[in-house]
Amino acid sequence: MAVMDEFKEEREALKNGTPRQKLAYFWYYYKWHVIIALVVIIMIISFVKQLTDRKDPSFYAVMLNASLLDQMTSEQPDFVTDFAEKEGIDLNTSDITFDTSIR
């Protein structure tokens, strides 16, 4: 049987098939296309979200051998908010960074 005849038979069977059979056919032949497209869409959404949520740096300080500040959690320490209030920096639009990783 020729290849084109097989394609015609499959198309006819698919036209008369149930939605479940159509979905199974689609998933069998296009599974990797769908997975890759979803991964790319998720990556693009993540990239755009990071661009829109980014804050401009207002202040960046390096603290050498600052062992007390190593225990900082993801929450902002009190001295960051105090410094922002004293200098008049809006923490909603700007970012203050104290780098304590240098020894």
N, C-alpha and C. Protein backbone atom coordinates (compact mmCIF):
# COMPACT_ATOMS: atom_id res chain seq x y z
N MET A 1 0.85 -1.17 0.00
CA MET A 1 0.00 0.00 0.00
C MET A 1 0.90 1.24 0.00
N ALA A 2 0.53 2.23 -0.77
CA ALA A 2 1.31 3.45 -0.87
C ALA A 2 1.15 4.28 0.41
N VAL A 3 2.12 5.11 0.63
CA VAL A 3 2.12 5.95 1.84
C VAL A 3 0.94 6.92 1.82
N MET A 4 0.63 7.47 0.67
CA MET A 4 -0.49 8.43 0.57
C MET A 4 -1.82 7.76 0.88
N ASP A 5 -1.96 6.49 0.51
CA ASP A 5 -3.19 5.77 0.82
C ASP A 5 -3.34 5.59 2.34
N GLU A 6 -2.23 5.33 3.00
CA GLU A 6 -2.26 5.19 4.46
C GLU A 6 -2.69 6.51 5.11
N PHE A 7 -2.15 7.62 4.61
CA PHE A 7 -2.53 8.92 5.14
C PHE A 7 -4.02 9.18 4.95
N LYS A 8 -4.53 8.83 3.77
CA LYS A 8 -5.96 9.03 3.50
C LYS A 8 -6.82 8.19 4.43
N GLU A 9 -6.42 6.95 4.67
CA GLU A 9 -7.18 6.08 5.57
C GLU A 9 -7.17 6.64 7.00
N GLU A 10 -6.01 7.12 7.42
CA GLU A 10 -5.93 7.68 8.78
C GLU A 10 -6.78 8.93 8.90
N ARG A 11 -6.76 9.79 7.89
CA ARG A 11 -7.56 11.00 7.92
C ARG A 11 -9.06 10.68 7.96
N GLU A 12 -9.46 9.69 7.20
CA GLU A 12 -10.87 9.28 7.21
C GLU A 12 -11.27 8.71 8.57
N ALA A 13 -10.41 7.89 9.13
CA ALA A 13 -10.69 7.32 10.45
C ALA A 13 -10.76 8.42 11.51
N LEU A 14 -9.90 9.43 11.35
CA LEU A 14 -9.88 10.52 12.31
C LEU A 14 -11.12 11.40 12.18
N LYS A 15 -11.60 11.60 10.98
CA LYS A 15 -12.80 12.41 10.78
C LYS A 15 -14.02 11.78 11.44
N ASN A 16 -14.09 10.47 11.41
CA ASN A 16 -15.23 9.77 11.98
C ASN A 16 -14.99 9.32 13.42
N GLY A 17 -13.84 9.68 13.98
CA GLY A 17 -13.51 9.23 15.33
C GLY A 17 -14.16 10.08 16.41
N THR A 18 -14.10 9.57 17.62
CA THR A 18 -14.62 10.29 18.77
C THR A 18 -13.63 11.39 19.18
N PRO A 19 -14.07 12.35 19.95
CA PRO A 19 -13.13 13.39 20.41
C PRO A 19 -11.95 12.81 21.19
N ARG A 20 -12.20 11.73 21.92
CA ARG A 20 -11.11 11.10 22.68
C ARG A 20 -10.06 10.52 21.72
N GLN A 21 -10.51 9.91 20.64
CA GLN A 21 -9.58 9.36 19.65
C GLN A 21 -8.82 10.48 18.95
N LYS A 22 -9.50 11.58 18.66
CA LYS A 22 -8.83 12.71 18.03
C LYS A 22 -7.76 13.29 18.94
N LEU A 23 -8.09 13.41 20.23
CA LEU A 23 -7.13 13.93 21.19
C LEU A 23 -5.94 12.98 21.34
N ALA A 24 -6.21 11.68 21.37
CA ALA A 24 -5.12 10.70 21.47
C ALA A 24 -4.22 10.78 20.25
N TYR A 25 -4.80 10.94 19.08
CA TYR A 25 -4.02 11.08 17.84
C TYR A 25 -3.15 12.34 17.90
N PHE A 26 -3.76 13.45 18.29
CA PHE A 26 -3.03 14.71 18.39
C PHE A 26 -1.89 14.60 19.39
N TRP A 27 -2.16 14.04 20.55
CA TRP A 27 -1.14 13.93 21.58
C TRP A 27 -0.01 13.00 21.14
N TYR A 28 -0.32 11.95 20.42
CA TYR A 28 0.70 11.00 19.97
C TYR A 28 1.68 11.68 19.00
N TYR A 29 1.15 12.48 18.09
CA TYR A 29 2.01 13.08 17.07
C TYR A 29 2.58 14.44 17.46
N TYR A 30 1.93 15.15 18.35
CA TYR A 30 2.37 16.51 18.66
C TYR A 30 2.73 16.74 20.13
N LYS A 31 3.00 15.67 20.85
CA LYS A 31 3.28 15.77 22.28
C LYS A 31 4.50 16.66 22.55
N TRP A 32 5.59 16.45 21.83
CA TRP A 32 6.81 17.23 22.09
C TRP A 32 6.65 18.68 21.65
N HIS A 33 5.89 18.92 20.60
CA HIS A 33 5.64 20.29 20.17
C HIS A 33 4.89 21.06 21.25
N VAL A 34 3.91 20.43 21.83
CA VAL A 34 3.11 21.07 22.88
C VAL A 34 3.96 21.33 24.12
N ILE A 35 4.75 20.35 24.52
CA ILE A 35 5.59 20.50 25.72
C ILE A 35 6.60 21.62 25.53
N ILE A 36 7.27 21.64 24.38
CA ILE A 36 8.28 22.67 24.13
C ILE A 36 7.62 24.05 24.05
N ALA A 37 6.46 24.13 23.41
CA ALA A 37 5.76 25.42 23.33
C ALA A 37 5.37 25.92 24.72
N LEU A 38 4.90 25.04 25.59
CA LEU A 38 4.55 25.44 26.95
C LEU A 38 5.77 25.93 27.73
N VAL A 39 6.89 25.24 27.59
CA VAL A 39 8.11 25.66 28.29
C VAL A 39 8.56 27.03 27.80
N VAL A 40 8.52 27.25 26.49
CA VAL A 40 8.92 28.55 25.94
C VAL A 40 7.98 29.65 26.41
N ILE A 41 6.69 29.39 26.42
CA ILE A 41 5.73 30.40 26.88
C ILE A 41 5.95 30.73 28.35
N ILE A 42 6.20 29.73 29.18
CA ILE A 42 6.47 29.96 30.60
C ILE A 42 7.74 30.78 30.78
N MET A 43 8.77 30.48 30.00
CA MET A 43 10.02 31.24 30.10
C MET A 43 9.82 32.70 29.69
N ILE A 44 9.04 32.93 28.64
CA ILE A 44 8.79 34.31 28.19
C ILE A 44 7.99 35.08 29.23
N ILE A 45 6.98 34.44 29.80
CA ILE A 45 6.19 35.10 30.85
C ILE A 45 7.05 35.43 32.06
N SER A 46 7.91 34.50 32.45
CA SER A 46 8.80 34.75 33.58
C SER A 46 9.75 35.91 33.30
N PHE A 47 10.31 35.95 32.10
CA PHE A 47 11.22 37.02 31.72
C PHE A 47 10.53 38.38 31.74
N VAL A 48 9.34 38.46 31.18
CA VAL A 48 8.60 39.72 31.15
C VAL A 48 8.22 40.15 32.57
N LYS A 49 7.83 39.19 33.42
CA LYS A 49 7.48 39.53 34.81
C LYS A 49 8.69 40.08 35.55
N GLN A 50 9.86 39.49 35.34
CA GLN A 50 11.07 39.99 35.99
C GLN A 50 11.41 41.39 35.50
N LEU A 51 11.20 41.66 34.23
CA LEU A 51 11.48 43.01 33.71
C LEU A 51 10.54 44.05 34.28
N THR A 52 9.28 43.69 34.43
CA THR A 52 8.31 44.67 34.92
C THR A 52 8.40 44.88 36.43
N ASP A 53 8.83 43.87 37.19
CA ASP A 53 8.90 43.98 38.64
C ASP A 53 10.24 44.51 39.14
N ARG A 54 11.15 44.77 38.24
CA ARG A 54 12.50 45.19 38.63
C ARG A 54 12.47 46.59 39.21
N LYS A 55 13.26 46.80 40.27
CA LYS A 55 13.37 48.12 40.90
C LYS A 55 14.74 48.70 40.57
N ASP A 56 14.81 50.01 40.46
CA ASP A 56 16.08 50.68 40.21
C ASP A 56 16.89 50.70 41.50
N PRO A 57 18.19 50.42 41.42
CA PRO A 57 19.01 50.48 42.64
C PRO A 57 19.27 51.93 43.04
N SER A 58 18.97 52.25 44.30
CA SER A 58 19.22 53.59 44.82
C SER A 58 20.49 53.64 45.65
N PHE A 59 20.78 52.53 46.29
CA PHE A 59 21.94 52.49 47.16
C PHE A 59 22.50 51.08 47.18
N TYR A 60 23.83 50.98 47.05
CA TYR A 60 24.50 49.68 47.09
C TYR A 60 25.72 49.83 47.98
N ALA A 61 25.79 49.03 49.03
CA ALA A 61 26.92 49.10 49.95
C ALA A 61 27.53 47.72 50.11
N VAL A 62 28.86 47.70 50.22
CA VAL A 62 29.59 46.45 50.47
C VAL A 62 30.13 46.52 51.88
N MET A 63 29.81 45.51 52.66
CA MET A 63 30.29 45.45 54.05
C MET A 63 31.26 44.29 54.16
N LEU A 64 32.51 44.60 54.44
CA LEU A 64 33.53 43.58 54.54
C LEU A 64 33.50 42.92 55.91
N ASN A 65 33.58 41.59 55.92
CA ASN A 65 33.61 40.79 57.15
C ASN A 65 32.43 41.10 58.07
N ALA A 66 31.27 41.25 57.52
CA ALA A 66 30.08 41.56 58.29
C ALA A 66 29.39 40.27 58.70
N SER A 67 29.91 39.62 59.72
CA SER A 67 29.38 38.31 60.12
C SER A 67 28.01 38.42 60.77
N LEU A 68 27.71 39.54 61.39
CA LEU A 68 26.40 39.70 62.02
C LEU A 68 25.29 39.78 60.99
N LEU A 69 25.58 40.27 59.83
CA LEU A 69 24.55 40.45 58.81
C LEU A 69 24.34 39.20 57.97
N ASP A 70 25.15 38.16 58.16
CA ASP A 70 25.00 36.92 57.40
C ASP A 70 23.72 36.19 57.73
N GLN A 71 23.17 36.42 58.89
CA GLN A 71 21.95 35.73 59.30
C GLN A 71 20.70 36.43 58.78
N MET A 72 20.85 37.39 57.89
CA MET A 72 19.68 38.11 57.37
C MET A 72 18.78 37.15 56.60
N THR A 73 17.51 37.29 56.81
CA THR A 73 16.54 36.47 56.10
C THR A 73 16.10 37.22 54.85
N SER A 74 15.09 36.69 54.18
CA SER A 74 14.60 37.36 52.98
C SER A 74 13.82 38.63 53.32
N GLU A 75 13.46 38.79 54.57
CA GLU A 75 12.77 40.01 55.00
C GLU A 75 13.79 41.13 55.14
N GLN A 76 13.33 42.36 55.02
CA GLN A 76 14.23 43.49 55.14
C GLN A 76 14.57 43.74 56.60
N PRO A 77 15.84 43.88 56.90
CA PRO A 77 16.22 44.23 58.28
C PRO A 77 15.78 45.65 58.62
N ASP A 78 15.74 45.95 59.91
CA ASP A 78 15.29 47.26 60.37
C ASP A 78 16.19 48.39 59.87
N PHE A 79 17.51 48.15 59.79
CA PHE A 79 18.40 49.23 59.41
C PHE A 79 18.19 49.65 57.95
N VAL A 80 17.70 48.75 57.10
CA VAL A 80 17.43 49.12 55.71
C VAL A 80 16.24 50.08 55.65
N THR A 81 15.19 49.75 56.37
CA THR A 81 14.02 50.65 56.36
C THR A 81 14.34 51.97 57.05
N ASP A 82 15.13 51.91 58.14
CA ASP A 82 15.52 53.15 58.83
C ASP A 82 16.37 54.02 57.91
N PHE A 83 17.30 53.40 57.19
CA PHE A 83 18.15 54.16 56.27
C PHE A 83 17.31 54.77 55.14
N ALA A 84 16.35 54.01 54.64
CA ALA A 84 15.50 54.51 53.56
C ALA A 84 14.66 55.70 54.03
N GLU A 85 14.14 55.63 55.25
CA GLU A 85 13.37 56.75 55.78
C GLU A 85 14.24 57.99 55.97
N LYS A 86 15.47 57.78 56.51
CA LYS A 86 16.37 58.90 56.76
C LYS A 86 16.78 59.59 55.47
N GLU A 87 17.04 58.81 54.41
CA GLU A 87 17.50 59.38 53.14
C GLU A 87 16.36 59.72 52.19
N GLY A 88 15.13 59.37 52.57
CA GLY A 88 13.98 59.69 51.73
C GLY A 88 13.87 58.82 50.48
N ILE A 89 14.23 57.57 50.61
CA ILE A 89 14.18 56.64 49.48
C ILE A 89 12.89 55.83 49.56
N ASP A 90 12.15 55.79 48.47
CA ASP A 90 10.91 55.02 48.41
C ASP A 90 11.25 53.57 48.07
N LEU A 91 11.00 52.65 49.00
CA LEU A 91 11.35 51.24 48.79
C LEU A 91 10.40 50.53 47.83
N ASN A 92 9.28 51.15 47.48
CA ASN A 92 8.38 50.55 46.51
C ASN A 92 8.90 50.68 45.08
N THR A 93 9.67 51.74 44.82
CA THR A 93 10.18 51.96 43.47
C THR A 93 11.68 51.78 43.36
N SER A 94 12.37 51.76 44.48
CA SER A 94 13.83 51.66 44.47
C SER A 94 14.28 50.52 45.37
N ASP A 95 15.55 50.17 45.22
CA ASP A 95 16.10 49.05 45.96
C ASP A 95 17.37 49.48 46.68
N ILE A 96 17.52 49.01 47.91
CA ILE A 96 18.72 49.25 48.70
C ILE A 96 19.37 47.90 48.96
N THR A 97 20.67 47.79 48.67
CA THR A 97 21.37 46.52 48.83
C THR A 97 22.58 46.69 49.72
N PHE A 98 22.72 45.82 50.70
CA PHE A 98 23.90 45.72 51.53
C PHE A 98 24.53 44.36 51.27
N ASP A 99 25.65 44.33 50.56
CA ASP A 99 26.32 43.08 50.18
C ASP A 99 27.26 42.67 51.31
N THR A 100 26.97 41.53 51.92
CA THR A 100 27.79 41.05 53.04
C THR A 100 28.54 39.77 52.69
N SER A 101 28.65 39.45 51.42
CA SER A 101 29.24 38.17 51.02
C SER A 101 30.75 38.23 50.88
N ILE A 102 31.35 39.40 50.92
CA ILE A 102 32.79 39.53 50.73
C ILE A 102 33.50 39.35 52.06
N ARG A 103 34.51 38.52 52.08
CA ARG A 103 35.30 38.26 53.31
C ARG A 103 36.71 38.73 53.12
